[in-house]
Amino acid sequence: MRSSYKDLLDALDLHQNVLHAEEQAIIARDLNTVERISHLKDESIEKLTFANNKPLEHYPVFIQERISIILEKQQKNTDNFRRLHIQDNPSFTKESTSPLFKRMKQAYLP
């Protein structure tokens, strides 16, 4: 592995771990943990953005595949969160003003 990709690979590892923790919290329907993880996710996305300094097609295939896997995982988490916590939870209405709802809506709803 070339050292020029080390920061990106480290950022991908971190983000993948955060997404896994987020997935587990969503499955457990634990909104407090999802909220805490969303802060970690913001940080990992910032590191990933900083490390990702080239268009995707300029990376070797193994890095492109890692990025694709992470993007798929993010989409899966978003879909699961929508299904399990917002659409199925009557306390989350479009009129809800709770700070947690606003943050979750911003992160997961279009």
Protein backbone atom coordinates (compact mmCIF):
# COMPACT_ATOMS: atom_id res chain seq x y z
CA MET A 1 0.00 0.00 0.00
CA ARG A 2 1.37 3.40 -0.92
CA SER A 3 1.73 5.81 1.96
CA SER A 4 -0.09 8.48 -0.04
CA TYR A 5 -3.28 6.49 0.51
CA LYS A 6 -2.71 5.82 4.21
CA ASP A 7 -4.72 8.82 5.48
CA LEU A 8 -7.62 7.95 3.19
CA LEU A 9 -7.57 4.28 4.20
CA ASP A 10 -7.45 5.24 7.89
CA ALA A 11 -10.38 7.61 7.36
CA LEU A 12 -12.30 4.87 5.52
CA ASP A 13 -11.66 2.44 8.39
CA LEU A 14 -12.86 4.97 10.95
CA HIS A 15 -15.99 5.81 8.98
CA GLN A 16 -16.77 2.14 8.38
CA ASN A 17 -16.53 1.50 12.14
CA VAL A 18 -18.81 4.45 12.88
CA LEU A 19 -21.34 3.22 10.31
CA HIS A 20 -21.30 -0.24 11.92
CA ALA A 21 -21.97 1.27 15.35
CA GLU A 22 -24.74 3.38 13.83
CA GLU A 23 -26.27 0.29 12.22
CA GLN A 24 -26.34 -1.52 15.57
CA ALA A 25 -27.96 1.46 17.29
CA ILE A 26 -30.60 1.71 14.57
CA ILE A 27 -31.37 -2.00 14.85
CA ALA A 28 -31.68 -1.59 18.63
CA ARG A 29 -33.95 1.44 18.09
CA ASP A 30 -31.71 3.38 20.44
CA LEU A 31 -32.16 7.02 19.42
CA ASN A 32 -29.85 8.32 22.14
CA THR A 33 -26.99 6.21 20.81
CA VAL A 34 -27.83 7.16 17.22
CA GLU A 35 -27.61 10.79 18.32
CA ARG A 36 -24.22 10.26 19.99
CA ILE A 37 -22.94 8.37 16.97
CA SER A 38 -24.10 11.12 14.63
CA HIS A 39 -21.51 13.40 16.22
CA LEU A 40 -18.80 10.78 15.64
CA LYS A 41 -20.08 10.35 12.12
CA ASP A 42 -19.73 14.08 11.46
CA GLU A 43 -16.13 13.90 12.64
CA SER A 44 -15.33 10.83 10.56
CA ILE A 45 -16.89 12.41 7.47
CA GLU A 46 -14.74 15.49 8.04
CA LYS A 47 -11.61 13.33 8.22
CA LEU A 48 -12.71 11.40 5.15
CA THR A 49 -13.34 14.61 3.22
CA PHE A 50 -9.94 15.94 4.19
CA ALA A 51 -8.17 12.69 3.21
CA ASN A 52 -10.09 12.28 -0.05
CA ASN A 53 -8.26 14.67 -2.32
CA LYS A 54 -8.90 13.10 -5.72
CA PRO A 55 -11.92 12.16 -7.81
CA LEU A 56 -12.95 8.56 -7.17
CA GLU A 57 -11.84 7.30 -10.58
CA HIS A 58 -8.23 8.34 -9.85
CA TYR A 59 -7.89 5.86 -6.98
CA PRO A 60 -6.81 2.24 -7.34
CA VAL A 61 -9.65 -0.26 -7.68
CA PHE A 62 -9.30 -1.55 -4.11
CA ILE A 63 -9.91 1.96 -2.74
CA GLN A 64 -12.81 2.56 -5.12
CA GLU A 65 -14.36 -0.69 -3.87
CA ARG A 66 -13.92 0.36 -0.21
CA ILE A 67 -15.58 3.69 -0.90
CA SER A 68 -18.46 1.97 -2.72
CA ILE A 69 -18.99 -0.42 0.20
CA ILE A 70 -19.09 2.47 2.65
CA LEU A 71 -21.53 4.44 0.49
CA GLU A 72 -23.80 1.38 0.27
CA LYS A 73 -23.63 0.95 4.06
CA GLN A 74 -24.51 4.61 4.57
CA GLN A 75 -27.52 4.26 2.27
CA LYS A 76 -28.61 1.08 4.07
CA ASN A 77 -28.38 2.82 7.46
CA THR A 78 -30.36 5.77 6.14
CA ASP A 79 -33.06 3.48 4.74
CA ASN A 80 -33.23 1.46 7.97
CA PHE A 81 -33.43 4.57 10.10
CA ARG A 82 -36.25 5.97 8.03
CA ARG A 83 -38.15 2.71 8.20
CA LEU A 84 -37.55 1.86 11.85
CA HIS A 85 -37.52 5.21 13.59
CA ILE A 86 -39.28 7.91 11.69
CA GLN A 87 -41.99 6.35 9.58
CA ASP A 88 -42.88 3.72 12.19
CA ASN A 89 -42.64 6.00 15.24
CA PRO A 90 -45.82 8.00 15.87
CA SER A 91 -43.96 10.43 18.15
CA PHE A 92 -41.97 11.61 15.10
CA THR A 93 -44.32 13.77 13.13
CA LYS A 94 -43.51 16.42 10.58
CA GLU A 95 -44.57 18.97 13.18
CA SER A 96 -42.19 17.66 15.85
CA THR A 97 -39.94 20.35 17.29
CA SER A 98 -37.62 18.27 19.44
CA PRO A 99 -33.91 18.94 18.84
CA LEU A 100 -33.29 15.21 18.38
CA PHE A 101 -35.99 14.98 15.72
CA LYS A 102 -34.61 17.99 13.90
CA ARG A 103 -31.11 16.50 13.85
CA MET A 104 -32.35 13.08 12.75
CA LYS A 105 -34.54 14.64 10.09
CA GLN A 106 -31.58 16.61 8.79
CA ALA A 107 -29.39 13.50 8.71
CA TYR A 108 -31.84 10.96 7.36
CA LEU A 109 -34.77 12.55 5.58
CA PRO A 110 -34.65 14.12 2.15
